[in-house]
């Protein structure tokens, strides 16, 4: 590890960034250096400007990818080597106004029923029934289950925030049944790794990519014609709760959203809201 990279990582640690964010920011700076085949501290402001034009017009990065690149590179230049360049004020990834993919309750059940391996089926069922992000689901540990209060403790979620989410009885039963199959003292979803070690002895959680692969295969087999990902389960959970009459403020808290604006997108996605809207339109247009 170079001294410069070490210094950047230390600065990120002091600033309180999560390990995942540290890796993403360091990777963004490494990609910049590889593009110009030289140390990042030797890159000029004009070269930096041209690089962001390149990832926008040639690579056509999506907004989240561009944002990570911008934040990581900006942190390096401003906080690690102390260069305050005006070009950072000009670079603004365009906002995307995309609605998330929502699966119906029947579609969720169908997809989960097609996942044959218990470790993937139970993990994905837990992600859906508790509204979790993928990594929150794969990294669940035994002490995170509070069966007396029927709550699940999500530790170090997005933004390094902890939160509690309701744990359905059926989900608790599934978790107990699956845990009896492996008996790992730490992880609810241990990984057998490349060496196919005994799950009881595993020291690592289930890898995200394997869960994603299992979900994609089940969606394909289900013939459900939607661009669904594992994260769609979280979106669907929030929408289904809203349709069932759960208060939006509670859903916001359980999702771990800082702003109600983020959660309010689900009000536009509920079948009930669409039905009420259609009824209102029909009433207004009756005498047209």
C-alpha atoms as a PDB file:
ATOM      1  CA  UNK A   1       0.000   0.000   0.000  1.00  0.00           C
ATOM      2  CA  UNK A   2       1.363   3.409  -0.976  1.00  0.00           C
ATOM      3  CA  UNK A   3       1.770   6.128   1.632  1.00  0.00           C
ATOM      4  CA  UNK A   4      -0.814   8.261  -0.170  1.00  0.00           C
ATOM      5  CA  UNK A   5      -3.456   5.524  -0.152  1.00  0.00           C
ATOM      6  CA  UNK A   6      -2.721   4.828   3.509  1.00  0.00           C
ATOM      7  CA  UNK A   7      -3.187   8.516   4.299  1.00  0.00           C
ATOM      8  CA  UNK A   8      -6.492   8.647   2.411  1.00  0.00           C
ATOM      9  CA  UNK A   9      -7.832   5.579   4.251  1.00  0.00           C
ATOM     10  CA  UNK A  10      -6.799   7.092   7.586  1.00  0.00           C
ATOM     11  CA  UNK A  11      -8.573  10.345   6.679  1.00  0.00           C
ATOM     12  CA  UNK A  12     -11.713   8.400   5.743  1.00  0.00           C
ATOM     13  CA  UNK A  13     -11.559   6.518   9.039  1.00  0.00           C
ATOM     14  CA  UNK A  14     -11.191   9.752  10.998  1.00  0.00           C
ATOM     15  CA  UNK A  15     -14.170  11.188   9.116  1.00  0.00           C
ATOM     16  CA  UNK A  16     -16.260   8.215  10.249  1.00  0.00           C
ATOM     17  CA  UNK A  17     -16.934   6.615   6.862  1.00  0.00           C
ATOM     18  CA  UNK A  18     -17.982   2.965   6.811  1.00  0.00           C
ATOM     19  CA  UNK A  19     -15.644   0.273   5.513  1.00  0.00           C
ATOM     20  CA  UNK A  20     -17.723  -0.128   2.363  1.00  0.00           C
ATOM     21  CA  UNK A  21     -17.580   3.603   1.624  1.00  0.00           C
ATOM     22  CA  UNK A  22     -13.830   3.625   2.219  1.00  0.00           C
ATOM     23  CA  UNK A  23     -13.375   0.826  -0.318  1.00  0.00           C
ATOM     24  CA  UNK A  24     -15.598   2.585  -2.874  1.00  0.00           C
ATOM     25  CA  UNK A  25     -13.778   5.941  -2.527  1.00  0.00           C
ATOM     26  CA  UNK A  26     -10.329   4.375  -2.747  1.00  0.00           C
ATOM     27  CA  UNK A  27     -11.427   2.385  -5.804  1.00  0.00           C
ATOM     28  CA  UNK A  28     -12.660   5.607  -7.487  1.00  0.00           C
ATOM     29  CA  UNK A  29      -9.251   7.249  -7.038  1.00  0.00           C
ATOM     30  CA  UNK A  30      -7.448   4.115  -8.245  1.00  0.00           C
ATOM     31  CA  UNK A  31      -9.555   4.068 -11.431  1.00  0.00           C
ATOM     32  CA  UNK A  32      -8.693   7.728 -12.047  1.00  0.00           C
ATOM     33  CA  UNK A  33      -4.972   6.986 -11.654  1.00  0.00           C
ATOM     34  CA  UNK A  34      -5.212   3.962 -13.968  1.00  0.00           C
ATOM     35  CA  UNK A  35      -6.964   6.071 -16.602  1.00  0.00           C
ATOM     36  CA  UNK A  36      -4.032   8.496 -16.786  1.00  0.00           C
ATOM     37  CA  UNK A  37      -1.324   5.931 -15.902  1.00  0.00           C
ATOM     38  CA  UNK A  38       0.155   8.106 -13.195  1.00  0.00           C
ATOM     39  CA  UNK A  39      -0.086   8.887  -9.509  1.00  0.00           C
ATOM     40  CA  UNK A  40      -3.335  10.743  -8.705  1.00  0.00           C
ATOM     41  CA  UNK A  41      -1.508  13.638  -7.004  1.00  0.00           C
ATOM     42  CA  UNK A  42       0.109  14.450 -10.393  1.00  0.00           C
ATOM     43  CA  UNK A  43      -3.228  14.816 -12.186  1.00  0.00           C
ATOM     44  CA  UNK A  44      -4.151  18.382 -13.161  1.00  0.00           C
ATOM     45  CA  UNK A  45      -7.505  20.104 -12.752  1.00  0.00           C
ATOM     46  CA  UNK A  46      -8.056  20.075 -16.532  1.00  0.00           C
ATOM     47  CA  UNK A  47      -7.304  16.336 -16.669  1.00  0.00           C
ATOM     48  CA  UNK A  48      -9.823  15.817 -13.878  1.00  0.00           C
ATOM     49  CA  UNK A  49     -12.424  17.807 -15.811  1.00  0.00           C
ATOM     50  CA  UNK A  50     -11.797  15.716 -18.918  1.00  0.00           C
ATOM     51  CA  UNK A  51     -12.044  12.505 -16.873  1.00  0.00           C
ATOM     52  CA  UNK A  52     -15.542  13.335 -15.678  1.00  0.00           C
ATOM     53  CA  UNK A  53     -16.557  14.227 -19.223  1.00  0.00           C
ATOM     54  CA  UNK A  54     -15.184  10.820 -20.244  1.00  0.00           C
ATOM     55  CA  UNK A  55     -17.178   8.844 -17.665  1.00  0.00           C
ATOM     56  CA  UNK A  56     -20.290  10.841 -18.557  1.00  0.00           C
ATOM     57  CA  UNK A  57     -20.132  10.818 -22.375  1.00  0.00           C
ATOM     58  CA  UNK A  58     -18.106   7.681 -23.151  1.00  0.00           C
ATOM     59  CA  UNK A  59     -18.496   5.308 -20.209  1.00  0.00           C
ATOM     60  CA  UNK A  60     -22.016   6.615 -19.554  1.00  0.00           C
ATOM     61  CA  UNK A  61     -21.906   5.877 -15.845  1.00  0.00           C
ATOM     62  CA  UNK A  62     -25.227   5.734 -14.032  1.00  0.00           C
ATOM     63  CA  UNK A  63     -25.890   8.498 -11.542  1.00  0.00           C
ATOM     64  CA  UNK A  64     -25.004   6.445  -8.408  1.00  0.00           C
ATOM     65  CA  UNK A  65     -21.675   5.340  -9.945  1.00  0.00           C
ATOM     66  CA  UNK A  66     -20.818   8.906 -10.986  1.00  0.00           C
ATOM     67  CA  UNK A  67     -21.714  10.175  -7.518  1.00  0.00           C
ATOM     68  CA  UNK A  68     -19.378   7.674  -5.840  1.00  0.00           C
ATOM     69  CA  UNK A  69     -16.570   8.611  -8.257  1.00  0.00           C
ATOM     70  CA  UNK A  70     -17.120  12.317  -7.583  1.00  0.00           C
ATOM     71  CA  UNK A  71     -17.281  11.965  -3.808  1.00  0.00           C
ATOM     72  CA  UNK A  72     -14.241   9.685  -3.628  1.00  0.00           C
ATOM     73  CA  UNK A  73     -12.060  11.789  -5.917  1.00  0.00           C
ATOM     74  CA  UNK A  74     -13.174  15.034  -4.295  1.00  0.00           C
ATOM     75  CA  UNK A  75     -12.347  13.647  -0.860  1.00  0.00           C
ATOM     76  CA  UNK A  76      -8.880  12.633  -2.034  1.00  0.00           C
ATOM     77  CA  UNK A  77      -8.004  16.002  -3.562  1.00  0.00           C
ATOM     78  CA  UNK A  78      -9.561  18.197  -0.869  1.00  0.00           C
ATOM     79  CA  UNK A  79      -8.941  16.206   2.317  1.00  0.00           C
ATOM     80  CA  UNK A  80      -5.891  14.074   1.526  1.00  0.00           C
ATOM     81  CA  UNK A  81      -3.670  16.381  -0.547  1.00  0.00           C
ATOM     82  CA  UNK A  82      -5.374  19.715   0.145  1.00  0.00           C
ATOM     83  CA  UNK A  83      -6.299  20.914  -3.369  1.00  0.00           C
ATOM     84  CA  UNK A  84      -9.473  23.047  -3.536  1.00  0.00           C
ATOM     85  CA  UNK A  85     -10.425  23.008  -7.209  1.00  0.00           C
ATOM     86  CA  UNK A  86     -13.406  24.857  -8.687  1.00  0.00           C
ATOM     87  CA  UNK A  87     -14.217  22.052 -11.134  1.00  0.00           C
ATOM     88  CA  UNK A  88     -15.804  20.100  -8.284  1.00  0.00           C
ATOM     89  CA  UNK A  89     -18.507  22.783  -8.096  1.00  0.00           C
ATOM     90  CA  UNK A  90     -19.395  22.169 -11.759  1.00  0.00           C
ATOM     91  CA  UNK A  91     -19.705  18.377 -11.667  1.00  0.00           C
ATOM     92  CA  UNK A  92     -23.269  17.432 -10.796  1.00  0.00           C
ATOM     93  CA  UNK A  93     -24.645  14.027 -11.831  1.00  0.00           C
ATOM     94  CA  UNK A  94     -28.205  14.490 -13.186  1.00  0.00           C
ATOM     95  CA  UNK A  95     -30.969  13.413 -10.844  1.00  0.00           C
ATOM     96  CA  UNK A  96     -32.836  10.305 -11.904  1.00  0.00           C
ATOM     97  CA  UNK A  97     -36.553  10.109 -11.206  1.00  0.00           C
ATOM     98  CA  UNK A  98     -37.107   6.392 -11.555  1.00  0.00           C
ATOM     99  CA  UNK A  99     -39.831   4.512  -9.738  1.00  0.00           C
ATOM    100  CA  UNK A 100     -38.698   1.275  -8.069  1.00  0.00           C
ATOM    101  CA  UNK A 101     -39.920  -2.104  -9.270  1.00  0.00           C
ATOM    102  CA  UNK A 102     -42.726  -3.411  -7.076  1.00  0.00           C
ATOM    103  CA  UNK A 103     -43.692  -7.075  -6.874  1.00  0.00           C
ATOM    104  CA  UNK A 104     -47.153  -8.117  -5.727  1.00  0.00           C
ATOM    105  CA  UNK A 105     -47.467 -10.346  -2.668  1.00  0.00           C
ATOM    106  CA  UNK A 106     -48.329 -13.260  -4.962  1.00  0.00           C
ATOM    107  CA  UNK A 107     -45.247 -12.602  -7.112  1.00  0.00           C
ATOM    108  CA  UNK A 108     -42.997 -12.499  -4.044  1.00  0.00           C
ATOM    109  CA  UNK A 109     -44.386 -15.825  -2.845  1.00  0.00           C
ATOM    110  CA  UNK A 110     -43.937 -17.388  -6.257  1.00  0.00           C
ATOM    111  CA  UNK A 111     -40.297 -16.262  -6.548  1.00  0.00           C
ATOM    112  CA  UNK A 112     -39.407 -17.430  -3.039  1.00  0.00           C
ATOM    113  CA  UNK A 113     -41.072 -20.808  -3.637  1.00  0.00           C
ATOM    114  CA  UNK A 114     -38.751 -21.383  -6.606  1.00  0.00           C
ATOM    115  CA  UNK A 115     -35.575 -20.949  -4.528  1.00  0.00           C
ATOM    116  CA  UNK A 116     -34.610 -24.464  -3.553  1.00  0.00           C
ATOM    117  CA  UNK A 117     -31.572 -24.033  -1.292  1.00  0.00           C
ATOM    118  CA  UNK A 118     -32.720 -23.151   2.259  1.00  0.00           C
ATOM    119  CA  UNK A 119     -29.887 -20.663   2.878  1.00  0.00           C
ATOM    120  CA  UNK A 120     -31.006 -18.480  -0.015  1.00  0.00           C
ATOM    121  CA  UNK A 121     -34.738 -18.976   0.454  1.00  0.00           C
ATOM    122  CA  UNK A 122     -34.690 -18.121   4.180  1.00  0.00           C
ATOM    123  CA  UNK A 123     -32.285 -15.206   3.685  1.00  0.00           C
ATOM    124  CA  UNK A 124     -34.434 -13.669   0.935  1.00  0.00           C
ATOM    125  CA  UNK A 125     -37.645 -14.320   2.883  1.00  0.00           C
ATOM    126  CA  UNK A 126     -36.101 -12.477   5.850  1.00  0.00           C
ATOM    127  CA  UNK A 127     -35.005  -9.585   3.633  1.00  0.00           C
ATOM    128  CA  UNK A 128     -38.572  -9.256   2.320  1.00  0.00           C
ATOM    129  CA  UNK A 129     -40.466  -9.763   5.573  1.00  0.00           C
ATOM    130  CA  UNK A 130     -38.303  -7.245   7.465  1.00  0.00           C
ATOM    131  CA  UNK A 131     -37.666  -4.706   4.688  1.00  0.00           C
ATOM    132  CA  UNK A 132     -33.893  -5.127   4.719  1.00  0.00           C
ATOM    133  CA  UNK A 133     -31.128  -4.142   2.358  1.00  0.00           C
ATOM    134  CA  UNK A 134     -29.182  -7.085   0.937  1.00  0.00           C
ATOM    135  CA  UNK A 135     -26.097  -6.683   3.127  1.00  0.00           C
ATOM    136  CA  UNK A 136     -28.243  -6.123   6.212  1.00  0.00           C
ATOM    137  CA  UNK A 137     -29.821  -9.502   5.552  1.00  0.00           C
ATOM    138  CA  UNK A 138     -26.664 -11.495   4.843  1.00  0.00           C
ATOM    139  CA  UNK A 139     -24.838  -9.998   7.857  1.00  0.00           C
ATOM    140  CA  UNK A 140     -27.486 -10.833  10.479  1.00  0.00           C
ATOM    141  CA  UNK A 141     -26.078 -12.370  13.651  1.00  0.00           C
ATOM    142  CA  UNK A 142     -27.651 -14.458  16.412  1.00  0.00           C
ATOM    143  CA  UNK A 143     -27.753 -11.589  18.979  1.00  0.00           C
ATOM    144  CA  UNK A 144     -29.665  -9.418  16.479  1.00  0.00           C
ATOM    145  CA  UNK A 145     -32.846 -11.410  17.163  1.00  0.00           C
ATOM    146  CA  UNK A 146     -34.924 -10.106  20.075  1.00  0.00           C
ATOM    147  CA  UNK A 147     -37.571 -12.820  20.283  1.00  0.00           C
ATOM    148  CA  UNK A 148     -39.078 -11.448  23.518  1.00  0.00           C
ATOM    149  CA  UNK A 149     -40.005  -8.189  21.771  1.00  0.00           C
ATOM    150  CA  UNK A 150     -40.272  -9.765  18.295  1.00  0.00           C
ATOM    151  CA  UNK A 151     -37.847  -7.241  16.882  1.00  0.00           C
ATOM    152  CA  UNK A 152     -34.770  -7.504  14.655  1.00  0.00           C
ATOM    153  CA  UNK A 153     -31.803  -5.277  15.474  1.00  0.00           C
ATOM    154  CA  UNK A 154     -30.166  -3.951  12.302  1.00  0.00           C
ATOM    155  CA  UNK A 155     -26.628  -2.847  13.122  1.00  0.00           C
ATOM    156  CA  UNK A 156     -24.498  -0.467  11.065  1.00  0.00           C
ATOM    157  CA  UNK A 157     -27.075   0.043   8.319  1.00  0.00           C
ATOM    158  CA  UNK A 158     -26.710   2.700   5.662  1.00  0.00           C
ATOM    159  CA  UNK A 159     -25.098   5.777   7.168  1.00  0.00           C
ATOM    160  CA  UNK A 160     -23.771   3.608  10.039  1.00  0.00           C
ATOM    161  CA  UNK A 161     -27.206   3.810  11.691  1.00  0.00           C
ATOM    162  CA  UNK A 162     -28.760   1.120  13.872  1.00  0.00           C
ATOM    163  CA  UNK A 163     -32.506   0.510  13.832  1.00  0.00           C
ATOM    164  CA  UNK A 164     -35.133  -1.940  15.031  1.00  0.00           C
ATOM    165  CA  UNK A 165     -37.638  -3.576  12.681  1.00  0.00           C
ATOM    166  CA  UNK A 166     -40.600  -5.829  13.503  1.00  0.00           C
ATOM    167  CA  UNK A 167     -39.856  -9.553  13.257  1.00  0.00           C
ATOM    168  CA  UNK A 168     -42.859 -11.567  12.015  1.00  0.00           C
ATOM    169  CA  UNK A 169     -43.538 -14.811  13.878  1.00  0.00           C
ATOM    170  CA  UNK A 170     -43.293 -16.861  10.674  1.00  0.00           C
ATOM    171  CA  UNK A 171     -39.874 -15.344   9.939  1.00  0.00           C
ATOM    172  CA  UNK A 172     -38.644 -16.180  13.444  1.00  0.00           C
ATOM    173  CA  UNK A 173     -39.743 -19.802  12.969  1.00  0.00           C
ATOM    174  CA  UNK A 174     -37.950 -20.007   9.600  1.00  0.00           C
ATOM    175  CA  UNK A 175     -34.760 -18.564  11.120  1.00  0.00           C
ATOM    176  CA  UNK A 176     -34.855 -21.033  14.003  1.00  0.00           C
ATOM    177  CA  UNK A 177     -35.451 -23.982  11.690  1.00  0.00           C
ATOM    178  CA  UNK A 178     -32.614 -22.941   9.397  1.00  0.00           C
ATOM    179  CA  UNK A 179     -30.229 -22.269  12.301  1.00  0.00           C
ATOM    180  CA  UNK A 180     -30.787 -25.835  13.525  1.00  0.00           C
ATOM    181  CA  UNK A 181     -29.384 -26.993  10.175  1.00  0.00           C
ATOM    182  CA  UNK A 182     -25.995 -25.319  10.700  1.00  0.00           C
ATOM    183  CA  UNK A 183     -25.667 -24.259  14.366  1.00  0.00           C
ATOM    184  CA  UNK A 184     -23.170 -21.464  13.687  1.00  0.00           C
ATOM    185  CA  UNK A 185     -22.579 -19.550  16.960  1.00  0.00           C
ATOM    186  CA  UNK A 186     -22.368 -16.145  15.240  1.00  0.00           C
ATOM    187  CA  UNK A 187     -23.974 -15.896  11.809  1.00  0.00           C
ATOM    188  CA  UNK A 188     -27.584 -16.576  10.887  1.00  0.00           C
ATOM    189  CA  UNK A 189     -26.465 -17.103   7.277  1.00  0.00           C
ATOM    190  CA  UNK A 190     -22.884 -18.439   7.357  1.00  0.00           C
ATOM    191  CA  UNK A 191     -20.911 -18.975   4.169  1.00  0.00           C
ATOM    192  CA  UNK A 192     -19.290 -22.275   3.303  1.00  0.00           C
ATOM    193  CA  UNK A 193     -16.779 -20.411   1.125  1.00  0.00           C
ATOM    194  CA  UNK A 194     -14.730 -21.811  -1.730  1.00  0.00           C
ATOM    195  CA  UNK A 195     -13.484 -24.682   0.410  1.00  0.00           C
ATOM    196  CA  UNK A 196     -17.034 -25.799   1.344  1.00  0.00           C
ATOM    197  CA  UNK A 197     -16.235 -25.762   5.044  1.00  0.00           C
ATOM    198  CA  UNK A 198     -18.647 -26.890   7.750  1.00  0.00           C
ATOM    199  CA  UNK A 199     -21.164 -24.079   8.224  1.00  0.00           C
ATOM    200  CA  UNK A 200     -20.872 -24.422  11.988  1.00  0.00           C
ATOM    201  CA  UNK A 201     -17.190 -23.419  11.729  1.00  0.00           C
ATOM    202  CA  UNK A 202     -17.675 -20.621   9.203  1.00  0.00           C
ATOM    203  CA  UNK A 203     -16.391 -17.170  10.172  1.00  0.00           C
ATOM    204  CA  UNK A 204     -17.892 -15.327   7.187  1.00  0.00           C
ATOM    205  CA  UNK A 205     -21.479 -14.427   6.268  1.00  0.00           C
ATOM    206  CA  UNK A 206     -23.203 -15.490   3.076  1.00  0.00           C
ATOM    207  CA  UNK A 207     -21.812 -13.605   0.079  1.00  0.00           C
ATOM    208  CA  UNK A 208     -24.134 -11.036  -1.492  1.00  0.00           C
ATOM    209  CA  UNK A 209     -23.445 -12.108  -5.068  1.00  0.00           C
ATOM    210  CA  UNK A 210     -24.598 -15.688  -4.422  1.00  0.00           C
ATOM    211  CA  UNK A 211     -27.898 -14.411  -2.987  1.00  0.00           C
ATOM    212  CA  UNK A 212     -28.357 -12.114  -5.987  1.00  0.00           C
ATOM    213  CA  UNK A 213     -27.684 -14.988  -8.377  1.00  0.00           C
ATOM    214  CA  UNK A 214     -30.244 -17.217  -6.637  1.00  0.00           C
ATOM    215  CA  UNK A 215     -32.858 -14.447  -6.784  1.00  0.00           C
ATOM    216  CA  UNK A 216     -32.258 -13.672 -10.472  1.00  0.00           C
ATOM    217  CA  UNK A 217     -32.543 -17.360 -11.356  1.00  0.00           C
ATOM    218  CA  UNK A 218     -35.860 -17.628  -9.496  1.00  0.00           C
ATOM    219  CA  UNK A 219     -37.254 -14.504 -11.195  1.00  0.00           C
ATOM    220  CA  UNK A 220     -36.293 -15.930 -14.585  1.00  0.00           C
ATOM    221  CA  UNK A 221     -37.900 -19.282 -13.783  1.00  0.00           C
ATOM    222  CA  UNK A 222     -41.067 -17.555 -12.520  1.00  0.00           C
ATOM    223  CA  UNK A 223     -41.532 -15.815 -15.906  1.00  0.00           C
ATOM    224  CA  UNK A 224     -42.457 -12.617 -14.076  1.00  0.00           C
ATOM    225  CA  UNK A 225     -41.772  -9.899 -16.620  1.00  0.00           C
ATOM    226  CA  UNK A 226     -40.381  -7.259 -14.255  1.00  0.00           C
ATOM    227  CA  UNK A 227     -36.872  -5.874 -13.762  1.00  0.00           C
ATOM    228  CA  UNK A 228     -36.747  -7.111 -10.202  1.00  0.00           C
ATOM    229  CA  UNK A 229     -33.652  -7.297  -8.011  1.00  0.00           C
ATOM    230  CA  UNK A 230     -33.162  -8.304  -4.388  1.00  0.00           C
ATOM    231  CA  UNK A 231     -33.704  -4.643  -3.456  1.00  0.00           C
ATOM    232  CA  UNK A 232     -37.166  -4.880  -5.056  1.00  0.00           C
ATOM    233  CA  UNK A 233     -38.160  -7.033  -2.065  1.00  0.00           C
ATOM    234  CA  UNK A 234     -37.514  -4.073   0.258  1.00  0.00           C
ATOM    235  CA  UNK A 235     -39.511  -1.723  -1.993  1.00  0.00           C
ATOM    236  CA  UNK A 236     -42.329  -4.267  -2.209  1.00  0.00           C
ATOM    237  CA  UNK A 237     -42.400  -4.739   1.583  1.00  0.00           C
ATOM    238  CA  UNK A 238     -42.837  -0.991   2.136  1.00  0.00           C
ATOM    239  CA  UNK A 239     -45.580  -0.779  -0.485  1.00  0.00           C
ATOM    240  CA  UNK A 240     -47.441  -3.800   0.894  1.00  0.00           C
ATOM    241  CA  UNK A 241     -47.360  -2.355   4.421  1.00  0.00           C
ATOM    242  CA  UNK A 242     -48.680   0.965   3.149  1.00  0.00           C
ATOM    243  CA  UNK A 243     -51.488  -0.828   1.310  1.00  0.00           C
ATOM    244  CA  UNK A 244     -52.314  -2.654   4.548  1.00  0.00           C
ATOM    245  CA  UNK A 245     -52.784   0.678   6.322  1.00  0.00           C
ATOM    246  CA  UNK A 246     -49.481   0.982   8.210  1.00  0.00           C
ATOM    247  CA  UNK A 247     -48.557   4.585   9.006  1.00  0.00           C
ATOM    248  CA  UNK A 248     -46.001   6.073   6.591  1.00  0.00           C
ATOM    249  CA  UNK A 249     -43.970   7.504   9.484  1.00  0.00           C
ATOM    250  CA  UNK A 250     -43.536   4.018  10.960  1.00  0.00           C
ATOM    251  CA  UNK A 251     -42.474   2.618   7.598  1.00  0.00           C
ATOM    252  CA  UNK A 252     -39.918   5.428   7.282  1.00  0.00           C
ATOM    253  CA  UNK A 253     -38.460   4.517  10.679  1.00  0.00           C
ATOM    254  CA  UNK A 254     -38.296   0.809   9.904  1.00  0.00           C
ATOM    255  CA  UNK A 255     -36.653   1.454   6.537  1.00  0.00           C
ATOM    256  CA  UNK A 256     -34.085   3.718   8.181  1.00  0.00           C
ATOM    257  CA  UNK A 257     -34.880   6.696   5.949  1.00  0.00           C
ATOM    258  CA  UNK A 258     -33.724  10.065   7.295  1.00  0.00           C
ATOM    259  CA  UNK A 259     -36.275  12.024   5.289  1.00  0.00           C
ATOM    260  CA  UNK A 260     -40.013  11.315   4.834  1.00  0.00           C
ATOM    261  CA  UNK A 261     -39.584  12.481   1.230  1.00  0.00           C
ATOM    262  CA  UNK A 262     -37.620   9.306   0.459  1.00  0.00           C
ATOM    263  CA  UNK A 263     -40.385   7.109   1.868  1.00  0.00           C
ATOM    264  CA  UNK A 264     -43.233   9.061   0.281  1.00  0.00           C
ATOM    265  CA  UNK A 265     -42.421   7.558  -3.138  1.00  0.00           C
ATOM    266  CA  UNK A 266     -44.326   4.447  -2.021  1.00  0.00           C
ATOM    267  CA  UNK A 267     -47.568   6.415  -1.801  1.00  0.00           C
ATOM    268  CA  UNK A 268     -47.465   6.581  -5.606  1.00  0.00           C
ATOM    269  CA  UNK A 269     -46.985   2.847  -5.981  1.00  0.00           C
ATOM    270  CA  UNK A 270     -49.781   1.288  -3.981  1.00  0.00           C
ATOM    271  CA  UNK A 271     -52.539  -0.479  -5.857  1.00  0.00           C
ATOM    272  CA  UNK A 272     -55.097   1.100  -3.516  1.00  0.00           C
ATOM    273  CA  UNK A 273     -53.865   4.601  -4.328  1.00  0.00           C
ATOM    274  CA  UNK A 274     -54.134   3.851  -8.042  1.00  0.00           C
ATOM    275  CA  UNK A 275     -57.640   2.480  -7.548  1.00  0.00           C
ATOM    276  CA  UNK A 276     -58.787   5.559  -5.624  1.00  0.00           C
ATOM    277  CA  UNK A 277     -57.257   7.795  -8.281  1.00  0.00           C
ATOM    278  CA  UNK A 278     -59.010   5.923 -11.085  1.00  0.00           C
ATOM    279  CA  UNK A 279     -62.327   6.119  -9.218  1.00  0.00           C
ATOM    280  CA  UNK A 280     -61.917   9.876  -8.749  1.00  0.00           C
ATOM    281  CA  UNK A 281     -61.084  10.380 -12.435  1.00  0.00           C
ATOM    282  CA  UNK A 282     -64.150   8.383 -13.464  1.00  0.00           C
ATOM    283  CA  UNK A 283     -66.391  10.446 -11.180  1.00  0.00           C
ATOM    284  CA  UNK A 284     -65.044  13.715 -12.555  1.00  0.00           C
ATOM    285  CA  UNK A 285     -65.414  12.594 -16.155  1.00  0.00           C
ATOM    286  CA  UNK A 286     -68.863  11.011 -15.819  1.00  0.00           C
ATOM    287  CA  UNK A 287     -70.708  13.824 -17.608  1.00  0.00           C
ATOM    288  CA  UNK A 288     -68.035  14.562 -20.184  1.00  0.00           C
END
